[in-house]
Amino acid sequence: GTDWSWFDEWESQYCKTITRQYMETLFIKELVPMFTPFTALQRLIPGYEKKGKARGPLPEKVLLTTPSWLARSYHLLRKDEKRTDATEKVEYKGPITKIDGRTGQIIDQLIFETNGATVLRLPEESTGGLPASSVALPSRTCGFDLTYLDRNMARLVAFNQLNETAVFGGWYPEELGGPFNIGPALCGLYTFDTISKIVKHREATGDPIQLEFKWDPHDP
């Protein structure tokens, strides 16, 4: 008979991955907003009214891994078992300032750029869709709203503290599955810098990536 022991091991590991990603999201959406008022408490002291925000116990960097399209799949092939988490460390210097790529109905390829140089292609090669116009990320981007369709992203929205947005996507249908957003919780304290981990053999824009936000306090 078929040996399914690999699936049991994968399921156990994937449960840990989902839990970690949930805790990353919980930290951003719940814990950071709780600490935000305390970062400016020193301004209550006479003479310190214009002093910058203090990081305190908050980390220098905040990491967030986007979900894998496989989390919404009814079928898992053994060849895809390592595509459920971004585990390959990369050294991409930020800040990432522009998004390029190929689009059709969905985003067939995402290209992240900084200072005119390509940082990452997701996936590395793509013949789907057509070349799309590049989109500059808003100054001090601090949040993302991602929408998925099957194996790929269908739309990527980046925004900043002033609610300025950049949208990159295909001619997607009105009803889409799997929205993923972190809201404005990091705005005013952190800005998007780069991508720190990827899937080694990435094949679709729905493969997970680890977003890295750096401490960069700013008053609107």
C-alpha atoms as a PDB file:
ATOM      1  CA  GLY A   1       0.000   0.000   0.000  1.00  0.00           C
ATOM      2  CA  THR A   2       0.894   3.674  -0.178  1.00  0.00           C
ATOM      3  CA  ASP A   3       3.198   4.960   2.557  1.00  0.00           C
ATOM      4  CA  TRP A   4       1.491   7.985   4.140  1.00  0.00           C
ATOM      5  CA  SER A   5       3.889   8.367   7.073  1.00  0.00           C
ATOM      6  CA  TRP A   6       5.370  11.466   5.412  1.00  0.00           C
ATOM      7  CA  PHE A   7       1.938  13.115   5.524  1.00  0.00           C
ATOM      8  CA  ASP A   8       1.604  12.570   9.282  1.00  0.00           C
ATOM      9  CA  GLU A   9       5.011  14.164   9.806  1.00  0.00           C
ATOM     10  CA  TRP A  10       4.135  17.047   7.475  1.00  0.00           C
ATOM     11  CA  GLU A  11       0.771  17.617   9.175  1.00  0.00           C
ATOM     12  CA  SER A  12       2.447  17.836  12.579  1.00  0.00           C
ATOM     13  CA  GLN A  13       5.030  20.315  11.281  1.00  0.00           C
ATOM     14  CA  TYR A  14       2.435  22.348   9.398  1.00  0.00           C
ATOM     15  CA  CYS A  15       0.363  22.725  12.557  1.00  0.00           C
ATOM     16  CA  LYS A  16       3.436  24.291  14.160  1.00  0.00           C
ATOM     17  CA  THR A  17       3.881  26.556  11.121  1.00  0.00           C
ATOM     18  CA  ILE A  18       0.260  27.717  11.233  1.00  0.00           C
ATOM     19  CA  THR A  19       0.548  28.360  14.974  1.00  0.00           C
ATOM     20  CA  ARG A  20       3.710  30.451  14.501  1.00  0.00           C
ATOM     21  CA  GLN A  21       2.127  32.475  11.702  1.00  0.00           C
ATOM     22  CA  TYR A  22      -0.950  33.034  13.842  1.00  0.00           C
ATOM     23  CA  MET A  23       1.231  34.274  16.711  1.00  0.00           C
ATOM     24  CA  GLU A  24       3.080  36.620  14.342  1.00  0.00           C
ATOM     25  CA  THR A  25      -0.245  38.094  13.225  1.00  0.00           C
ATOM     26  CA  LEU A  26      -1.541  38.259  16.795  1.00  0.00           C
ATOM     27  CA  PHE A  27       1.599  40.110  17.894  1.00  0.00           C
ATOM     28  CA  ILE A  28       1.111  42.697  15.157  1.00  0.00           C
ATOM     29  CA  LYS A  29      -2.637  43.168  15.491  1.00  0.00           C
ATOM     30  CA  GLU A  30      -2.978  42.943  19.273  1.00  0.00           C
ATOM     31  CA  LEU A  31       0.283  43.429  21.161  1.00  0.00           C
ATOM     32  CA  VAL A  32       1.871  46.260  19.156  1.00  0.00           C
ATOM     33  CA  PRO A  33      -1.253  48.490  19.432  1.00  0.00           C
ATOM     34  CA  MET A  34      -1.288  47.852  23.205  1.00  0.00           C
ATOM     35  CA  PHE A  35       2.290  49.139  23.509  1.00  0.00           C
ATOM     36  CA  THR A  36       1.900  52.044  21.069  1.00  0.00           C
ATOM     37  CA  PRO A  37       0.686  54.641  23.653  1.00  0.00           C
ATOM     38  CA  PHE A  38       3.654  53.836  25.919  1.00  0.00           C
ATOM     39  CA  THR A  39       6.197  54.634  23.179  1.00  0.00           C
ATOM     40  CA  ALA A  40       5.391  58.343  23.589  1.00  0.00           C
ATOM     41  CA  LEU A  41       4.891  58.538  27.380  1.00  0.00           C
ATOM     42  CA  GLN A  42       8.119  60.516  27.816  1.00  0.00           C
ATOM     43  CA  ARG A  43       6.431  63.428  26.026  1.00  0.00           C
ATOM     44  CA  LEU A  44       4.372  64.040  29.164  1.00  0.00           C
ATOM     45  CA  ILE A  45       7.542  65.244  30.899  1.00  0.00           C
ATOM     46  CA  PRO A  46       8.068  69.031  30.597  1.00  0.00           C
ATOM     47  CA  GLY A  47      10.781  69.749  28.083  1.00  0.00           C
ATOM     48  CA  TYR A  48      10.355  66.354  26.359  1.00  0.00           C
ATOM     49  CA  GLU A  49       7.212  67.181  24.386  1.00  0.00           C
ATOM     50  CA  LYS A  50       8.941  66.674  21.027  1.00  0.00           C
ATOM     51  CA  LYS A  51      11.120  63.734  21.986  1.00  0.00           C
ATOM     52  CA  GLY A  52      11.027  60.759  19.632  1.00  0.00           C
ATOM     53  CA  LYS A  53       9.123  57.583  20.402  1.00  0.00           C
ATOM     54  CA  ALA A  54      10.924  55.019  22.569  1.00  0.00           C
ATOM     55  CA  ARG A  55      10.952  51.379  21.418  1.00  0.00           C
ATOM     56  CA  GLY A  56      11.021  49.941  24.943  1.00  0.00           C
ATOM     57  CA  PRO A  57      10.336  46.185  24.901  1.00  0.00           C
ATOM     58  CA  LEU A  58       9.263  46.177  21.235  1.00  0.00           C
ATOM     59  CA  PRO A  59      11.674  44.421  18.827  1.00  0.00           C
ATOM     60  CA  GLU A  60      13.943  46.191  16.335  1.00  0.00           C
ATOM     61  CA  LYS A  61      12.370  44.109  13.547  1.00  0.00           C
ATOM     62  CA  VAL A  62       8.930  42.570  13.123  1.00  0.00           C
ATOM     63  CA  LEU A  63       8.614  39.475  10.915  1.00  0.00           C
ATOM     64  CA  LEU A  64       5.443  38.258   9.244  1.00  0.00           C
ATOM     65  CA  THR A  65       5.126  35.211   6.983  1.00  0.00           C
ATOM     66  CA  THR A  66       2.355  35.297   4.402  1.00  0.00           C
ATOM     67  CA  PRO A  67       0.208  32.148   4.229  1.00  0.00           C
ATOM     68  CA  SER A  68       0.857  29.464   1.641  1.00  0.00           C
ATOM     69  CA  TRP A  69      -1.762  28.848  -1.036  1.00  0.00           C
ATOM     70  CA  LEU A  70      -1.608  25.218   0.120  1.00  0.00           C
ATOM     71  CA  ALA A  71      -3.444  26.254   3.280  1.00  0.00           C
ATOM     72  CA  ARG A  72      -6.513  26.644   1.071  1.00  0.00           C
ATOM     73  CA  SER A  73      -5.905  23.541  -1.046  1.00  0.00           C
ATOM     74  CA  TYR A  74      -7.883  20.311  -0.840  1.00  0.00           C
ATOM     75  CA  HIS A  75      -5.005  18.271  -2.220  1.00  0.00           C
ATOM     76  CA  LEU A  76      -1.359  18.022  -1.220  1.00  0.00           C
ATOM     77  CA  LEU A  77       1.270  16.285  -3.311  1.00  0.00           C
ATOM     78  CA  ARG A  78       4.456  15.135  -1.657  1.00  0.00           C
ATOM     79  CA  LYS A  79       6.519  17.364  -3.928  1.00  0.00           C
ATOM     80  CA  ASP A  80       4.759  20.378  -2.403  1.00  0.00           C
ATOM     81  CA  GLU A  81       5.277  19.507   1.254  1.00  0.00           C
ATOM     82  CA  LYS A  82       8.147  21.991   1.672  1.00  0.00           C
ATOM     83  CA  ARG A  83       6.246  24.852   0.045  1.00  0.00           C
ATOM     84  CA  THR A  84       4.047  25.567   3.049  1.00  0.00           C
ATOM     85  CA  ASP A  85       6.539  27.822   4.829  1.00  0.00           C
ATOM     86  CA  ALA A  86       9.265  30.333   3.952  1.00  0.00           C
ATOM     87  CA  THR A  87      12.390  28.703   5.391  1.00  0.00           C
ATOM     88  CA  GLU A  88      15.155  29.745   2.979  1.00  0.00           C
ATOM     89  CA  LYS A  89      17.071  32.691   4.464  1.00  0.00           C
ATOM     90  CA  VAL A  90      18.032  35.417   2.018  1.00  0.00           C
ATOM     91  CA  GLU A  91      20.040  38.624   2.256  1.00  0.00           C
ATOM     92  CA  TYR A  92      17.988  41.209   0.437  1.00  0.00           C
ATOM     93  CA  LYS A  93      18.951  44.729   1.455  1.00  0.00           C
ATOM     94  CA  GLY A  94      16.021  47.110   1.692  1.00  0.00           C
ATOM     95  CA  PRO A  95      14.117  49.134   1.547  1.00  0.00           C
ATOM     96  CA  ILE A  96      12.036  47.598  -1.221  1.00  0.00           C
ATOM     97  CA  THR A  97      10.493  50.531  -3.057  1.00  0.00           C
ATOM     98  CA  LYS A  98       8.809  49.162  -6.177  1.00  0.00           C
ATOM     99  CA  ILE A  99       6.761  46.184  -7.382  1.00  0.00           C
ATOM    100  CA  ASP A 100       6.837  44.927 -10.957  1.00  0.00           C
ATOM    101  CA  GLY A 101       5.869  41.687 -12.654  1.00  0.00           C
ATOM    102  CA  ARG A 102       3.375  39.953 -14.914  1.00  0.00           C
ATOM    103  CA  THR A 103      -0.391  39.897 -14.566  1.00  0.00           C
ATOM    104  CA  GLY A 104      -3.407  38.367 -16.250  1.00  0.00           C
ATOM    105  CA  GLN A 105      -6.466  37.346 -14.312  1.00  0.00           C
ATOM    106  CA  ILE A 106      -4.127  36.977 -11.347  1.00  0.00           C
ATOM    107  CA  ILE A 107      -0.562  38.029 -10.495  1.00  0.00           C
ATOM    108  CA  ASP A 108       1.555  35.572 -12.476  1.00  0.00           C
ATOM    109  CA  GLN A 109       4.853  36.974 -11.229  1.00  0.00           C
ATOM    110  CA  LEU A 110       5.896  39.447  -8.544  1.00  0.00           C
ATOM    111  CA  ILE A 111       9.176  41.316  -8.859  1.00  0.00           C
ATOM    112  CA  PHE A 112      10.341  43.308  -5.840  1.00  0.00           C
ATOM    113  CA  GLU A 113      12.826  46.099  -6.546  1.00  0.00           C
ATOM    114  CA  THR A 114      14.985  48.530  -4.594  1.00  0.00           C
ATOM    115  CA  ASN A 115      16.871  51.468  -6.114  1.00  0.00           C
ATOM    116  CA  GLY A 116      16.255  50.103  -9.596  1.00  0.00           C
ATOM    117  CA  ALA A 117      17.709  46.668  -8.816  1.00  0.00           C
ATOM    118  CA  THR A 118      15.674  43.465  -8.679  1.00  0.00           C
ATOM    119  CA  VAL A 119      15.578  41.990  -5.186  1.00  0.00           C
ATOM    120  CA  LEU A 120      13.312  38.986  -5.649  1.00  0.00           C
ATOM    121  CA  ARG A 121      11.273  37.276  -8.359  1.00  0.00           C
ATOM    122  CA  LEU A 122       8.274  35.244  -7.244  1.00  0.00           C
ATOM    123  CA  PRO A 123       8.376  32.789  -8.974  1.00  0.00           C
ATOM    124  CA  GLU A 124      11.832  32.976 -10.547  1.00  0.00           C
ATOM    125  CA  GLU A 125      10.496  32.283 -14.062  1.00  0.00           C
ATOM    126  CA  SER A 126       7.024  32.995 -15.439  1.00  0.00           C
ATOM    127  CA  THR A 127       5.491  33.021 -18.895  1.00  0.00           C
ATOM    128  CA  GLY A 128       1.935  33.641 -17.718  1.00  0.00           C
ATOM    129  CA  GLY A 129       0.115  36.920 -18.106  1.00  0.00           C
ATOM    130  CA  LEU A 130       1.641  40.026 -19.649  1.00  0.00           C
ATOM    131  CA  PRO A 131       4.278  42.475 -18.408  1.00  0.00           C
ATOM    132  CA  ALA A 132       2.608  44.947 -16.061  1.00  0.00           C
ATOM    133  CA  SER A 133       3.441  48.531 -15.240  1.00  0.00           C
ATOM    134  CA  SER A 134       5.606  48.897 -12.159  1.00  0.00           C
ATOM    135  CA  VAL A 135       4.073  50.343  -9.000  1.00  0.00           C
ATOM    136  CA  ALA A 136       5.976  52.448  -6.469  1.00  0.00           C
ATOM    137  CA  LEU A 137       5.247  51.604  -2.852  1.00  0.00           C
ATOM    138  CA  PRO A 138       3.954  54.492  -0.725  1.00  0.00           C
ATOM    139  CA  SER A 139       6.505  56.287   1.407  1.00  0.00           C
ATOM    140  CA  ARG A 140       6.883  54.479   4.755  1.00  0.00           C
ATOM    141  CA  THR A 141       4.730  51.516   3.751  1.00  0.00           C
ATOM    142  CA  CYS A 142       3.501  49.878   6.946  1.00  0.00           C
ATOM    143  CA  GLY A 143       0.768  47.443   5.913  1.00  0.00           C
ATOM    144  CA  PHE A 144      -0.434  45.029   3.241  1.00  0.00           C
ATOM    145  CA  ASP A 145      -3.734  43.599   2.098  1.00  0.00           C
ATOM    146  CA  LEU A 146      -3.245  40.447   0.009  1.00  0.00           C
ATOM    147  CA  THR A 147      -5.935  38.571  -1.887  1.00  0.00           C
ATOM    148  CA  TYR A 148      -5.511  35.087  -3.360  1.00  0.00           C
ATOM    149  CA  LEU A 149      -7.072  33.051  -6.137  1.00  0.00           C
ATOM    150  CA  ASP A 150      -6.119  29.370  -6.284  1.00  0.00           C
ATOM    151  CA  ARG A 151      -2.290  29.091  -6.280  1.00  0.00           C
ATOM    152  CA  ASN A 152      -1.544  32.765  -6.788  1.00  0.00           C
ATOM    153  CA  MET A 153      -2.024  36.233  -5.431  1.00  0.00           C
ATOM    154  CA  ALA A 154      -4.715  38.104  -7.298  1.00  0.00           C
ATOM    155  CA  ARG A 155      -4.135  41.507  -5.752  1.00  0.00           C
ATOM    156  CA  LEU A 156      -1.549  43.188  -3.537  1.00  0.00           C
ATOM    157  CA  VAL A 157      -2.353  46.452  -1.786  1.00  0.00           C
ATOM    158  CA  ALA A 158       0.337  48.337   0.157  1.00  0.00           C
ATOM    159  CA  PHE A 159      -0.506  51.353   2.319  1.00  0.00           C
ATOM    160  CA  ASN A 160       1.061  53.802   4.749  1.00  0.00           C
ATOM    161  CA  GLN A 161       0.063  55.840   7.788  1.00  0.00           C
ATOM    162  CA  LEU A 162      -1.517  58.539   5.620  1.00  0.00           C
ATOM    163  CA  ASN A 163      -3.682  55.911   3.886  1.00  0.00           C
ATOM    164  CA  GLU A 164      -1.786  56.353   0.635  1.00  0.00           C
ATOM    165  CA  THR A 165      -1.987  53.104  -1.312  1.00  0.00           C
ATOM    166  CA  ALA A 166      -0.356  51.214  -4.154  1.00  0.00           C
ATOM    167  CA  VAL A 167      -2.291  48.444  -5.904  1.00  0.00           C
ATOM    168  CA  PHE A 168      -0.791  45.701  -8.050  1.00  0.00           C
ATOM    169  CA  GLY A 169      -3.023  43.013  -9.486  1.00  0.00           C
ATOM    170  CA  GLY A 170      -4.756  41.344 -12.386  1.00  0.00           C
ATOM    171  CA  TRP A 171      -8.262  41.665 -13.814  1.00  0.00           C
ATOM    172  CA  TYR A 172      -9.486  39.478 -10.994  1.00  0.00           C
ATOM    173  CA  PRO A 173     -13.171  38.575 -10.528  1.00  0.00           C
ATOM    174  CA  GLU A 174     -15.208  40.313  -7.846  1.00  0.00           C
ATOM    175  CA  GLU A 175     -15.350  37.267  -5.587  1.00  0.00           C
ATOM    176  CA  LEU A 176     -11.924  36.215  -4.406  1.00  0.00           C
ATOM    177  CA  GLY A 177     -10.736  33.812  -1.742  1.00  0.00           C
ATOM    178  CA  GLY A 178      -8.274  34.003   1.091  1.00  0.00           C
ATOM    179  CA  PRO A 179      -7.841  37.689   1.985  1.00  0.00           C
ATOM    180  CA  PHE A 180      -4.864  38.307   4.252  1.00  0.00           C
ATOM    181  CA  ASN A 181      -4.243  41.672   5.865  1.00  0.00           C
ATOM    182  CA  ILE A 182      -2.428  43.057   8.884  1.00  0.00           C
ATOM    183  CA  GLY A 183      -4.247  46.375   9.066  1.00  0.00           C
ATOM    184  CA  PRO A 184      -2.586  49.623  10.203  1.00  0.00           C
ATOM    185  CA  ALA A 185      -1.278  48.278  13.539  1.00  0.00           C
ATOM    186  CA  LEU A 186       2.399  48.845  12.652  1.00  0.00           C
ATOM    187  CA  CYS A 187       1.881  52.302  11.173  1.00  0.00           C
ATOM    188  CA  GLY A 188       3.694  55.074  12.995  1.00  0.00           C
ATOM    189  CA  LEU A 189       6.177  52.637  14.539  1.00  0.00           C
ATOM    190  CA  TYR A 190       7.432  50.305  11.789  1.00  0.00           C
ATOM    191  CA  THR A 191       7.902  50.460   8.032  1.00  0.00           C
ATOM    192  CA  PHE A 192       8.280  47.642   5.505  1.00  0.00           C
ATOM    193  CA  ASP A 193      11.938  47.072   4.692  1.00  0.00           C
ATOM    194  CA  THR A 194      12.620  43.833   2.848  1.00  0.00           C
ATOM    195  CA  ILE A 195      11.961  40.097   2.484  1.00  0.00           C
ATOM    196  CA  SER A 196      14.023  37.877   4.777  1.00  0.00           C
ATOM    197  CA  LYS A 197      12.865  34.334   3.905  1.00  0.00           C
ATOM    198  CA  ILE A 198      11.370  32.601   0.868  1.00  0.00           C
ATOM    199  CA  VAL A 199      10.398  29.143  -0.356  1.00  0.00           C
ATOM    200  CA  LYS A 200      13.487  27.585  -1.920  1.00  0.00           C
ATOM    201  CA  HIS A 201      11.701  26.221  -4.992  1.00  0.00           C
ATOM    202  CA  ARG A 202       8.996  28.834  -5.441  1.00  0.00           C
ATOM    203  CA  GLU A 203       6.529  28.170  -8.231  1.00  0.00           C
ATOM    204  CA  ALA A 204       3.634  30.579  -7.702  1.00  0.00           C
ATOM    205  CA  THR A 205       2.916  34.017  -6.272  1.00  0.00           C
ATOM    206  CA  GLY A 206       0.877  32.265  -3.595  1.00  0.00           C
ATOM    207  CA  ASP A 207       4.015  30.707  -2.101  1.00  0.00           C
ATOM    208  CA  PRO A 208       4.818  32.203   1.315  1.00  0.00           C
ATOM    209  CA  ILE A 209       7.385  34.963   1.874  1.00  0.00           C
ATOM    210  CA  GLN A 210       8.556  36.466   5.141  1.00  0.00           C
ATOM    211  CA  LEU A 211       8.056  40.230   5.267  1.00  0.00           C
ATOM    212  CA  GLU A 212      10.437  42.223   7.439  1.00  0.00           C
ATOM    213  CA  PHE A 213       9.423  45.527   9.037  1.00  0.00           C
ATOM    214  CA  LYS A 214      12.003  47.746  10.759  1.00  0.00           C
ATOM    215  CA  TRP A 215      11.589  50.106  13.722  1.00  0.00           C
ATOM    216  CA  ASP A 216      11.068  53.512  12.116  1.00  0.00           C
ATOM    217  CA  PRO A 217       8.832  55.682  14.352  1.00  0.00           C
ATOM    218  CA  HIS A 218       7.139  58.571  12.660  1.00  0.00           C
ATOM    219  CA  ASP A 219       4.401  61.077  13.495  1.00  0.00           C
ATOM    220  CA  PRO A 220       1.962  61.825  10.681  1.00  0.00           C
END
